[in-house]
C-alpha cells in the first residue's frame, strides 16, 4: 500500500491522492476553495456542499439530520455521564465524532474524540468539562447551520423544501 485517505473521505482528498500517483490524468473536479477565515467558523460548510454536489435539498437534509442526530447523541451522552456509564460515554462520543467529522464540525469532532478516549479509559473525572465544551461547540455549530439553512431560502422567502416541513423546526 502506497497511500491512504483517512475518514471522512472527500472528493478533494481522493483526487489529491490519485493525482499524486497517476499524475495530471485525474482532475480535481472543481473543488470548492476554502475562503480565508474559515478556521473561525464552527462548521466548514464546503464539506457538506461537496458531499451534496449541488443538490440543495440533499444539503438541507444532511444538515437537518446532523443537527437532530447530534442533539439526540448529546442528550444520551449527558445521561451516560450522569450514570457514570463509561462505555455509554465512549459510544455516544464515537458517534458524535464521526458525524462531526463528516459535516466539517472540527471542534466538535476533537472534543468528541477526547470524550471517546476518556470513556475508553473508564476514568470519567475530566468528562464533565469536556462535555460542557462539546455542548458549547454544538450550540455554535447549530446557530451557524441554522443561519446557513435560512440563506438557502429562495429570494421570495419560500423554503426550498417540497415536503412542507420547516427544516429548522426539527433542529
N, C-alpha and C. Protein backbone atom coordinates (compact mmCIF):
# COMPACT_ATOMS: atom_id res chain seq x y z
N UNK A 1 0.85 -1.16 0.00
CA UNK A 1 0.00 0.00 0.00
C UNK A 1 0.91 1.23 0.00
N UNK A 2 0.67 2.13 -0.94
CA UNK A 2 1.49 3.32 -1.07
C UNK A 2 0.90 4.55 -0.39
N UNK A 3 -0.42 4.57 -0.19
CA UNK A 3 -1.06 5.75 0.36
C UNK A 3 -2.42 5.37 0.92
N UNK A 4 -3.08 6.32 1.56
CA UNK A 4 -4.41 6.08 2.08
C UNK A 4 -5.13 7.41 2.19
N UNK A 5 -6.45 7.34 2.32
CA UNK A 5 -7.28 8.51 2.56
C UNK A 5 -8.02 8.24 3.85
N UNK A 6 -7.82 9.12 4.84
CA UNK A 6 -8.49 8.92 6.12
C UNK A 6 -9.92 9.44 6.06
N UNK A 7 -10.77 8.91 6.97
CA UNK A 7 -12.15 9.37 7.04
C UNK A 7 -12.18 10.76 7.65
N UNK A 8 -13.08 11.61 7.27
CA UNK A 8 -14.06 11.40 6.22
C UNK A 8 -13.43 11.57 4.85
N UNK A 9 -13.74 10.68 3.95
CA UNK A 9 -13.20 10.74 2.60
C UNK A 9 -13.93 11.83 1.83
N UNK A 10 -13.16 12.72 1.24
CA UNK A 10 -13.76 13.77 0.41
C UNK A 10 -13.24 13.60 -1.00
N UNK A 11 -13.99 14.16 -1.94
CA UNK A 11 -13.58 14.08 -3.33
C UNK A 11 -12.23 14.77 -3.53
N UNK A 12 -12.01 15.87 -2.84
CA UNK A 12 -10.75 16.59 -2.96
C UNK A 12 -9.58 15.74 -2.47
N UNK A 13 -9.72 15.12 -1.30
CA UNK A 13 -8.64 14.29 -0.76
C UNK A 13 -8.36 13.11 -1.67
N UNK A 14 -9.39 12.47 -2.17
CA UNK A 14 -9.22 11.34 -3.08
C UNK A 14 -8.55 11.79 -4.36
N UNK A 15 -8.97 12.93 -4.86
CA UNK A 15 -8.37 13.47 -6.09
C UNK A 15 -6.88 13.76 -5.90
N UNK A 16 -6.53 14.32 -4.75
CA UNK A 16 -5.12 14.63 -4.48
C UNK A 16 -4.27 13.36 -4.47
N UNK A 17 -4.77 12.31 -3.85
CA UNK A 17 -4.05 11.03 -3.81
C UNK A 17 -3.91 10.47 -5.21
N UNK A 18 -5.00 10.49 -5.96
CA UNK A 18 -4.96 9.96 -7.33
C UNK A 18 -4.01 10.77 -8.19
N UNK A 19 -4.04 12.08 -8.05
CA UNK A 19 -3.11 12.92 -8.81
C UNK A 19 -1.67 12.62 -8.46
N UNK A 20 -1.41 12.37 -7.19
CA UNK A 20 -0.05 12.07 -6.76
C UNK A 20 0.47 10.79 -7.42
N UNK A 21 -0.43 9.81 -7.57
CA UNK A 21 0.00 8.52 -8.10
C UNK A 21 -0.19 8.38 -9.61
N UNK A 22 -1.15 9.10 -10.15
CA UNK A 22 -1.45 8.96 -11.58
C UNK A 22 -1.05 10.18 -12.39
N UNK A 23 -0.65 11.23 -11.73
CA UNK A 23 -0.28 12.44 -12.43
C UNK A 23 -1.50 13.25 -12.81
N UNK A 24 -1.37 14.08 -13.80
CA UNK A 24 -2.44 15.01 -14.16
C UNK A 24 -3.57 14.35 -14.94
N UNK A 25 -3.57 13.05 -15.07
CA UNK A 25 -4.65 12.36 -15.79
C UNK A 25 -5.97 12.46 -15.04
N UNK A 26 -5.91 12.79 -13.74
CA UNK A 26 -7.12 12.90 -12.94
C UNK A 26 -7.28 14.36 -12.54
N UNK A 27 -8.48 14.92 -12.73
CA UNK A 27 -8.70 16.31 -12.35
C UNK A 27 -9.40 16.37 -11.00
N UNK A 28 -9.33 17.52 -10.35
CA UNK A 28 -9.92 17.67 -9.03
C UNK A 28 -11.43 17.84 -9.09
N UNK A 29 -11.99 18.01 -10.24
CA UNK A 29 -13.44 18.12 -10.35
C UNK A 29 -13.99 19.43 -9.82
N UNK A 30 -13.19 20.48 -9.82
CA UNK A 30 -13.69 21.78 -9.40
C UNK A 30 -13.95 21.87 -7.91
N UNK A 31 -13.01 21.48 -7.11
CA UNK A 31 -13.18 21.52 -5.66
C UNK A 31 -13.42 22.95 -5.20
N UNK A 32 -14.21 23.09 -4.17
CA UNK A 32 -14.54 24.39 -3.62
C UNK A 32 -13.37 24.88 -2.77
N UNK A 33 -12.81 26.05 -3.08
CA UNK A 33 -11.72 26.56 -2.23
C UNK A 33 -12.27 27.02 -0.89
N UNK A 34 -11.45 26.87 0.15
CA UNK A 34 -11.85 27.32 1.48
C UNK A 34 -11.47 28.78 1.60
N UNK A 35 -12.44 29.66 1.83
CA UNK A 35 -12.13 31.08 1.93
C UNK A 35 -11.35 31.40 3.19
N UNK A 36 -10.65 32.53 3.17
CA UNK A 36 -9.91 32.97 4.35
C UNK A 36 -10.86 33.12 5.52
N UNK A 37 -10.37 32.86 6.71
CA UNK A 37 -11.18 33.00 7.90
C UNK A 37 -12.01 31.78 8.23
N UNK A 38 -11.86 30.70 7.46
CA UNK A 38 -12.69 29.52 7.69
C UNK A 38 -12.37 28.86 9.02
N UNK A 39 -11.21 29.10 9.57
CA UNK A 39 -10.84 28.48 10.83
C UNK A 39 -11.69 29.01 11.99
N UNK A 40 -12.34 30.15 11.82
CA UNK A 40 -13.15 30.70 12.89
C UNK A 40 -14.59 30.23 12.82
N UNK A 41 -14.97 29.57 11.75
CA UNK A 41 -16.34 29.07 11.62
C UNK A 41 -16.47 27.73 12.35
N UNK A 42 -17.62 27.49 12.99
CA UNK A 42 -17.79 26.23 13.70
C UNK A 42 -17.98 25.02 12.77
N UNK A 43 -18.31 25.29 11.52
CA UNK A 43 -18.52 24.22 10.54
C UNK A 43 -17.90 24.66 9.22
N UNK A 44 -17.14 23.77 8.61
CA UNK A 44 -16.62 24.04 7.28
C UNK A 44 -17.69 23.58 6.29
N UNK A 45 -18.56 24.53 5.94
CA UNK A 45 -19.74 24.23 5.15
C UNK A 45 -19.38 23.66 3.77
N UNK A 46 -18.19 23.95 3.30
CA UNK A 46 -17.77 23.41 2.00
C UNK A 46 -17.77 21.88 2.00
N UNK A 47 -17.54 21.29 3.15
CA UNK A 47 -17.54 19.83 3.24
C UNK A 47 -18.94 19.28 2.95
N UNK A 48 -19.96 19.90 3.51
CA UNK A 48 -21.33 19.49 3.25
C UNK A 48 -21.69 19.76 1.79
N UNK A 49 -21.28 20.92 1.28
CA UNK A 49 -21.57 21.27 -0.10
C UNK A 49 -20.95 20.26 -1.06
N UNK A 50 -19.75 19.83 -0.75
CA UNK A 50 -19.07 18.86 -1.61
C UNK A 50 -19.82 17.53 -1.63
N UNK A 51 -20.25 17.08 -0.48
CA UNK A 51 -20.98 15.82 -0.40
C UNK A 51 -22.30 15.94 -1.16
N UNK A 52 -22.99 17.07 -1.01
CA UNK A 52 -24.28 17.27 -1.66
C UNK A 52 -24.15 17.47 -3.16
N UNK A 53 -22.98 17.86 -3.63
CA UNK A 53 -22.70 18.01 -5.06
C UNK A 53 -23.75 18.85 -5.78
N UNK A 54 -24.11 19.99 -5.17
CA UNK A 54 -25.03 20.92 -5.82
C UNK A 54 -26.50 20.65 -5.58
N UNK A 55 -26.83 19.55 -4.92
CA UNK A 55 -28.22 19.21 -4.63
C UNK A 55 -28.61 19.89 -3.31
N UNK A 56 -29.30 21.02 -3.41
CA UNK A 56 -29.62 21.83 -2.24
C UNK A 56 -30.54 21.09 -1.28
N UNK A 57 -31.47 20.32 -1.79
CA UNK A 57 -32.36 19.55 -0.92
C UNK A 57 -31.57 18.52 -0.11
N UNK A 58 -30.64 17.86 -0.77
CA UNK A 58 -29.80 16.88 -0.08
C UNK A 58 -28.94 17.58 0.97
N UNK A 59 -28.43 18.75 0.62
CA UNK A 59 -27.63 19.54 1.56
C UNK A 59 -28.45 19.88 2.80
N UNK A 60 -29.68 20.32 2.59
CA UNK A 60 -30.58 20.62 3.70
C UNK A 60 -30.80 19.38 4.56
N UNK A 61 -31.08 18.26 3.90
CA UNK A 61 -31.33 17.02 4.63
C UNK A 61 -30.12 16.60 5.46
N UNK A 62 -28.93 16.75 4.89
CA UNK A 62 -27.71 16.42 5.63
C UNK A 62 -27.58 17.27 6.89
N UNK A 63 -27.84 18.55 6.75
CA UNK A 63 -27.72 19.48 7.87
C UNK A 63 -28.76 19.18 8.93
N UNK A 64 -30.01 19.01 8.51
CA UNK A 64 -31.09 18.74 9.47
C UNK A 64 -30.83 17.43 10.19
N UNK A 65 -30.38 16.41 9.47
CA UNK A 65 -30.09 15.12 10.08
C UNK A 65 -28.94 15.25 11.08
N UNK A 66 -27.89 15.96 10.69
CA UNK A 66 -26.76 16.16 11.60
C UNK A 66 -27.22 16.85 12.89
N UNK A 67 -28.00 17.91 12.76
CA UNK A 67 -28.45 18.64 13.95
C UNK A 67 -29.33 17.78 14.84
N UNK A 68 -30.26 17.08 14.24
CA UNK A 68 -31.17 16.23 15.01
C UNK A 68 -30.43 15.08 15.69
N UNK A 69 -29.60 14.39 14.93
CA UNK A 69 -28.85 13.26 15.49
C UNK A 69 -27.87 13.71 16.57
N UNK A 70 -27.20 14.83 16.33
CA UNK A 70 -26.23 15.32 17.31
C UNK A 70 -26.93 15.69 18.61
N UNK A 71 -28.08 16.33 18.49
CA UNK A 71 -28.82 16.69 19.70
C UNK A 71 -29.19 15.45 20.49
N UNK A 72 -29.65 14.43 19.81
CA UNK A 72 -30.02 13.17 20.48
C UNK A 72 -28.79 12.51 21.12
N UNK A 73 -27.67 12.49 20.41
CA UNK A 73 -26.46 11.88 20.95
C UNK A 73 -25.94 12.66 22.16
N UNK A 74 -26.04 13.97 22.12
CA UNK A 74 -25.58 14.80 23.24
C UNK A 74 -26.46 14.56 24.46
N UNK A 75 -27.77 14.43 24.26
CA UNK A 75 -28.66 14.11 25.39
C UNK A 75 -28.28 12.74 25.97
N UNK A 76 -28.02 11.78 25.10
CA UNK A 76 -27.62 10.45 25.56
C UNK A 76 -26.29 10.48 26.28
N UNK A 77 -25.39 11.33 25.82
CA UNK A 77 -24.09 11.48 26.46
C UNK A 77 -24.26 12.04 27.87
N UNK A 78 -25.17 12.99 28.02
CA UNK A 78 -25.43 13.56 29.34
C UNK A 78 -25.95 12.48 30.30
N UNK A 79 -26.84 11.63 29.82
CA UNK A 79 -27.36 10.54 30.64
C UNK A 79 -26.23 9.58 31.03
N UNK A 80 -25.41 9.23 30.04
CA UNK A 80 -24.29 8.31 30.32
C UNK A 80 -23.34 8.90 31.36
N UNK A 81 -23.10 10.19 31.29
CA UNK A 81 -22.23 10.83 32.28
C UNK A 81 -22.87 10.82 33.67
N UNK A 82 -24.15 11.12 33.71
CA UNK A 82 -24.86 11.14 34.99
C UNK A 82 -24.85 9.76 35.64
N UNK A 83 -24.96 8.72 34.80
CA UNK A 83 -24.97 7.34 35.31
C UNK A 83 -23.57 6.74 35.44
N UNK A 84 -22.55 7.55 35.15
CA UNK A 84 -21.15 7.08 35.20
C UNK A 84 -20.94 5.84 34.32
N UNK A 85 -21.57 5.85 33.14
CA UNK A 85 -21.50 4.76 32.17
C UNK A 85 -20.39 5.05 31.17
N UNK A 86 -19.19 4.57 31.48
CA UNK A 86 -18.03 4.86 30.64
C UNK A 86 -18.21 4.34 29.21
N UNK A 87 -18.77 3.16 29.06
CA UNK A 87 -18.98 2.60 27.71
C UNK A 87 -20.03 3.41 26.96
N UNK A 88 -21.05 3.87 27.66
CA UNK A 88 -22.05 4.74 27.03
C UNK A 88 -21.44 6.05 26.58
N UNK A 89 -20.56 6.62 27.40
CA UNK A 89 -19.85 7.85 27.02
C UNK A 89 -19.01 7.59 25.78
N UNK A 90 -18.27 6.49 25.80
CA UNK A 90 -17.41 6.18 24.66
C UNK A 90 -18.23 6.02 23.37
N UNK A 91 -19.31 5.26 23.45
CA UNK A 91 -20.12 5.00 22.26
C UNK A 91 -20.79 6.25 21.71
N UNK A 92 -21.39 7.05 22.57
CA UNK A 92 -22.04 8.29 22.13
C UNK A 92 -21.01 9.26 21.56
N UNK A 93 -19.88 9.38 22.24
CA UNK A 93 -18.83 10.28 21.75
C UNK A 93 -18.31 9.83 20.40
N UNK A 94 -18.18 8.51 20.21
CA UNK A 94 -17.71 7.98 18.92
C UNK A 94 -18.69 8.36 17.81
N UNK A 95 -19.98 8.24 18.06
CA UNK A 95 -20.99 8.60 17.06
C UNK A 95 -20.92 10.10 16.73
N UNK A 96 -20.77 10.93 17.75
CA UNK A 96 -20.67 12.38 17.53
C UNK A 96 -19.40 12.71 16.77
N UNK A 97 -18.32 12.02 17.10
CA UNK A 97 -17.05 12.26 16.41
C UNK A 97 -17.20 12.01 14.91
N UNK A 98 -17.81 10.89 14.55
CA UNK A 98 -17.97 10.55 13.14
C UNK A 98 -18.86 11.51 12.39
N UNK A 99 -20.01 11.84 12.95
CA UNK A 99 -20.92 12.75 12.24
C UNK A 99 -20.33 14.15 12.16
N UNK A 100 -19.62 14.57 13.19
CA UNK A 100 -18.99 15.89 13.17
C UNK A 100 -17.88 15.96 12.12
N UNK A 101 -17.11 14.89 12.02
CA UNK A 101 -16.05 14.85 11.01
C UNK A 101 -16.65 14.90 9.61
N UNK A 102 -17.72 14.16 9.39
CA UNK A 102 -18.36 14.14 8.07
C UNK A 102 -19.01 15.46 7.71
N UNK A 103 -19.36 16.25 8.72
CA UNK A 103 -20.05 17.51 8.50
C UNK A 103 -19.09 18.70 8.48
N UNK A 104 -17.88 18.51 8.90
CA UNK A 104 -16.92 19.61 8.92
C UNK A 104 -16.93 20.40 10.22
N UNK A 105 -17.52 19.83 11.28
CA UNK A 105 -17.55 20.48 12.60
C UNK A 105 -16.33 20.01 13.37
N UNK A 106 -15.19 20.61 13.07
CA UNK A 106 -13.91 20.10 13.58
C UNK A 106 -13.74 20.24 15.09
N UNK A 107 -14.23 21.30 15.68
CA UNK A 107 -14.10 21.46 17.12
C UNK A 107 -14.94 20.40 17.82
N UNK A 108 -16.15 20.19 17.33
CA UNK A 108 -16.99 19.14 17.90
C UNK A 108 -16.30 17.78 17.75
N UNK A 109 -15.71 17.53 16.61
CA UNK A 109 -15.04 16.25 16.38
C UNK A 109 -13.92 16.04 17.38
N UNK A 110 -13.13 17.06 17.60
CA UNK A 110 -11.99 16.94 18.53
C UNK A 110 -12.47 16.71 19.96
N UNK A 111 -13.49 17.44 20.38
CA UNK A 111 -14.00 17.27 21.74
C UNK A 111 -14.65 15.89 21.92
N UNK A 112 -15.36 15.44 20.90
CA UNK A 112 -15.96 14.10 20.96
C UNK A 112 -14.87 13.03 21.02
N UNK A 113 -13.78 13.25 20.30
CA UNK A 113 -12.66 12.31 20.34
C UNK A 113 -12.08 12.24 21.76
N UNK A 114 -11.94 13.40 22.39
CA UNK A 114 -11.44 13.43 23.77
C UNK A 114 -12.37 12.65 24.69
N UNK A 115 -13.67 12.85 24.53
CA UNK A 115 -14.63 12.11 25.36
C UNK A 115 -14.61 10.62 25.07
N UNK A 116 -14.41 10.27 23.82
CA UNK A 116 -14.31 8.85 23.46
C UNK A 116 -13.12 8.21 24.18
N UNK A 117 -11.98 8.90 24.19
CA UNK A 117 -10.80 8.37 24.88
C UNK A 117 -11.04 8.29 26.39
N UNK A 118 -11.70 9.30 26.95
CA UNK A 118 -12.00 9.29 28.38
C UNK A 118 -12.89 8.09 28.70
N UNK A 119 -13.92 7.88 27.90
CA UNK A 119 -14.81 6.75 28.13
C UNK A 119 -14.10 5.42 27.99
N UNK A 120 -13.23 5.32 27.00
CA UNK A 120 -12.48 4.07 26.80
C UNK A 120 -11.56 3.79 27.98
N UNK A 121 -11.03 4.84 28.58
CA UNK A 121 -10.15 4.69 29.74
C UNK A 121 -10.90 4.47 31.04
N UNK A 122 -12.20 4.60 30.99
CA UNK A 122 -13.08 4.36 32.14
C UNK A 122 -12.82 5.27 33.33
N UNK A 123 -12.15 6.39 33.09
CA UNK A 123 -11.90 7.37 34.14
C UNK A 123 -12.61 8.66 33.72
N UNK A 124 -13.80 8.91 34.28
CA UNK A 124 -14.69 9.97 33.80
C UNK A 124 -14.52 11.31 34.52
N UNK A 125 -13.50 11.48 35.33
CA UNK A 125 -13.34 12.70 36.12
C UNK A 125 -13.28 13.96 35.25
N UNK A 126 -12.62 13.90 34.12
CA UNK A 126 -12.50 15.06 33.24
C UNK A 126 -13.66 15.20 32.27
N UNK A 127 -14.49 14.19 32.18
CA UNK A 127 -15.56 14.17 31.18
C UNK A 127 -16.55 15.33 31.28
N UNK A 128 -16.99 15.74 32.49
CA UNK A 128 -17.96 16.83 32.54
C UNK A 128 -17.47 18.14 31.90
N UNK A 129 -16.20 18.47 32.09
CA UNK A 129 -15.67 19.70 31.49
C UNK A 129 -15.63 19.59 29.97
N UNK A 130 -15.18 18.45 29.47
CA UNK A 130 -15.11 18.26 28.02
C UNK A 130 -16.53 18.23 27.45
N UNK A 131 -17.44 17.60 28.15
CA UNK A 131 -18.85 17.56 27.72
C UNK A 131 -19.42 18.97 27.62
N UNK A 132 -19.14 19.80 28.61
CA UNK A 132 -19.63 21.18 28.60
C UNK A 132 -19.10 21.93 27.37
N UNK A 133 -17.82 21.72 27.06
CA UNK A 133 -17.23 22.35 25.88
C UNK A 133 -17.86 21.81 24.60
N UNK A 134 -18.17 20.52 24.58
CA UNK A 134 -18.82 19.92 23.41
C UNK A 134 -20.21 20.52 23.21
N UNK A 135 -20.96 20.68 24.29
CA UNK A 135 -22.29 21.29 24.19
C UNK A 135 -22.18 22.71 23.63
N UNK A 136 -21.20 23.48 24.10
CA UNK A 136 -20.99 24.84 23.60
C UNK A 136 -20.65 24.81 22.11
N UNK A 137 -19.78 23.90 21.72
CA UNK A 137 -19.39 23.79 20.31
C UNK A 137 -20.59 23.40 19.45
N UNK A 138 -21.45 22.52 19.97
CA UNK A 138 -22.65 22.14 19.24
C UNK A 138 -23.59 23.34 19.08
N UNK A 139 -23.75 24.12 20.13
CA UNK A 139 -24.61 25.31 20.04
C UNK A 139 -24.10 26.27 18.97
N UNK A 140 -22.79 26.44 18.90
CA UNK A 140 -22.21 27.31 17.87
C UNK A 140 -22.45 26.73 16.48
N UNK A 141 -22.25 25.43 16.34
CA UNK A 141 -22.48 24.77 15.05
C UNK A 141 -23.95 24.86 14.66
N UNK A 142 -24.84 24.64 15.62
CA UNK A 142 -26.27 24.71 15.33
C UNK A 142 -26.67 26.11 14.88
N UNK A 143 -26.19 27.12 15.58
CA UNK A 143 -26.51 28.51 15.20
C UNK A 143 -26.00 28.80 13.78
N UNK A 144 -24.78 28.40 13.50
CA UNK A 144 -24.19 28.62 12.18
C UNK A 144 -25.00 27.89 11.10
N UNK A 145 -25.34 26.63 11.35
CA UNK A 145 -26.05 25.84 10.34
C UNK A 145 -27.48 26.32 10.16
N UNK A 146 -28.13 26.76 11.20
CA UNK A 146 -29.48 27.33 11.05
C UNK A 146 -29.45 28.58 10.20
N UNK A 147 -28.45 29.42 10.43
CA UNK A 147 -28.31 30.63 9.61
C UNK A 147 -28.03 30.24 8.16
N UNK A 148 -27.22 29.22 7.97
CA UNK A 148 -26.92 28.76 6.62
C UNK A 148 -28.18 28.22 5.95
N UNK A 149 -28.99 27.46 6.68
CA UNK A 149 -30.24 26.95 6.11
C UNK A 149 -31.15 28.10 5.68
N UNK A 150 -31.22 29.13 6.49
CA UNK A 150 -32.04 30.29 6.12
C UNK A 150 -31.51 30.94 4.85
N UNK A 151 -30.19 30.93 4.68
CA UNK A 151 -29.61 31.55 3.49
C UNK A 151 -29.93 30.76 2.22
N UNK A 152 -30.31 29.50 2.39
CA UNK A 152 -30.66 28.68 1.23
C UNK A 152 -32.07 28.95 0.72
N UNK A 153 -32.84 29.70 1.50
CA UNK A 153 -34.21 30.00 1.07
C UNK A 153 -34.17 30.85 -0.18
N UNK A 154 -35.21 30.69 -0.97
CA UNK A 154 -35.28 31.43 -2.23
C UNK A 154 -35.46 32.92 -1.96
N UNK A 155 -35.14 33.78 -2.95
CA UNK A 155 -35.30 35.23 -2.76
C UNK A 155 -36.73 35.62 -2.40
N UNK A 156 -37.71 34.83 -2.81
CA UNK A 156 -39.10 35.14 -2.49
C UNK A 156 -39.45 34.75 -1.07
N UNK A 157 -38.49 34.14 -0.36
CA UNK A 157 -38.71 33.76 1.02
C UNK A 157 -39.36 32.40 1.18
N UNK A 158 -39.55 31.68 0.07
CA UNK A 158 -40.14 30.35 0.15
C UNK A 158 -39.06 29.34 0.47
N UNK A 159 -39.41 28.38 1.28
CA UNK A 159 -38.46 27.32 1.61
C UNK A 159 -38.19 26.49 0.38
N UNK A 160 -36.98 25.96 0.28
CA UNK A 160 -36.63 25.09 -0.83
C UNK A 160 -37.14 23.68 -0.62
N UNK A 161 -37.66 23.38 0.56
CA UNK A 161 -38.20 22.05 0.82
C UNK A 161 -39.53 21.91 0.11
N UNK A 162 -39.77 20.74 -0.43
CA UNK A 162 -41.03 20.49 -1.13
C UNK A 162 -41.99 19.66 -0.30
N UNK A 163 -41.55 19.18 0.86
CA UNK A 163 -42.42 18.34 1.69
C UNK A 163 -43.22 19.16 2.69
N UNK A 164 -43.09 20.48 2.65
CA UNK A 164 -43.86 21.35 3.53
C UNK A 164 -43.36 21.44 4.94
N UNK A 165 -42.28 20.74 5.28
CA UNK A 165 -41.74 20.77 6.63
C UNK A 165 -40.70 21.88 6.76
N UNK A 166 -40.70 22.50 7.90
CA UNK A 166 -39.71 23.52 8.20
C UNK A 166 -38.47 22.82 8.74
N UNK A 167 -37.33 22.87 8.01
CA UNK A 167 -36.14 22.16 8.48
C UNK A 167 -35.63 22.68 9.81
N UNK A 168 -35.96 23.89 10.17
CA UNK A 168 -35.47 24.45 11.42
C UNK A 168 -36.27 23.94 12.60
N UNK A 169 -37.50 23.48 12.36
CA UNK A 169 -38.30 23.00 13.48
C UNK A 169 -37.79 21.67 14.00
N UNK A 170 -37.10 20.89 13.16
CA UNK A 170 -36.55 19.60 13.57
C UNK A 170 -35.26 19.77 14.34
N UNK A 171 -34.56 20.86 14.05
CA UNK A 171 -33.21 21.00 14.58
C UNK A 171 -33.22 21.68 15.92
